[in-house]
């Protein structure tokens, strides 16, 4: 089965096949597609944050191994592959920092990272300018993770590396003050990621690395605003420096790549089980960035390091049932030699198609 350019192609091995054939309305089709983009220079260790107010995303600083640490340049895109750069005041250059979007206050929050030295500064981007926040907060670190906890109305930070080894502390930022939460939870790690699962009101954390020769982690944890709960381990395989986003349209967490794991693997978490999507996509990489574009209902991936430092842009989308109207989801041409409305299939418990043998592609 393959979906490309608006057409679904199904190849059947007809030996021993009984007819009629049923099309399952729960069918969905995942697809990675590279986008021609004039945007940021190749980089790794960058961070992206969707600015939902104007359906654009903000790209903060990074490293390109040529110029060293780049300044947070507030590069933004509009879902078409085009990008622009806002030349306003910005924070000192850095990478391996963390950034998330505060939905309540409509601004991106950036903390820490490395730029000639470890940093412990807090900055915010309101869509126009970067603003330094002169506050006492977490100790300096890199490779930590942050996400906005919508249920609590706060930005959550966990872990990271203070230079050698890693940390296991949990912090919350309410827009004014950093507060450390003294609770047990995941072991010390860095290079992990976190997303907020809005459907279940939980923060999801996966993997990471101890940065102390203890190896990488393959465990999944969730934060409910009060405590951490261990969920599972073993899938995906242990890795760090991957990227992870929450697909709010499907209520699914999407993970791609990572160091020492499946660098070209796509995984999804629906709150109970991790499932691998066996599809072709971007070349294997780590230290890339991803954000979910709510307007275009796609996950956007940029850059990272693999065989080289990349500057490529990819989008990940899942075409599936049901659709509200035929115009929202294109019809597909299948091997039965006719065009079938996706909505008509979605509205039926099962769609039965009589398949002439002559039309089957082997």
Foldseek 3Di string as FASTA:
>chain_A
DDDDPQADEDFDDPVVDDDDDWDAQFDKDKDKDFAQADFDDFFFQWEKEQQVVQLKIFIAWGQAVPVGFDWTFRWIDRPRRYIDTARADTDPGFGQWEWYAQPVLRWIKTAWGDDPATGGWIWIGNPHHIDTAPADEDPTFGQWEWYQQVVVSWIKIAKGGNPAWMGGWIWTHNPRYIDTDPADEDDHFGQKYWYAQVVVSKIKIAKGARNHPPGIFFWIWIDNPRHIDTADGDPPHGFGQWEWYQQNVVSKIWIAAGPPGQQGWIWIDNPHDIDTDPDGYDDGFGRWYWYQRNVVSWIKIAWGADVRTGGIIMIMHMGHDDDPDQVVRDWYDYLQGDTDRSNVCRPDNIDTDGRDPVSRDD
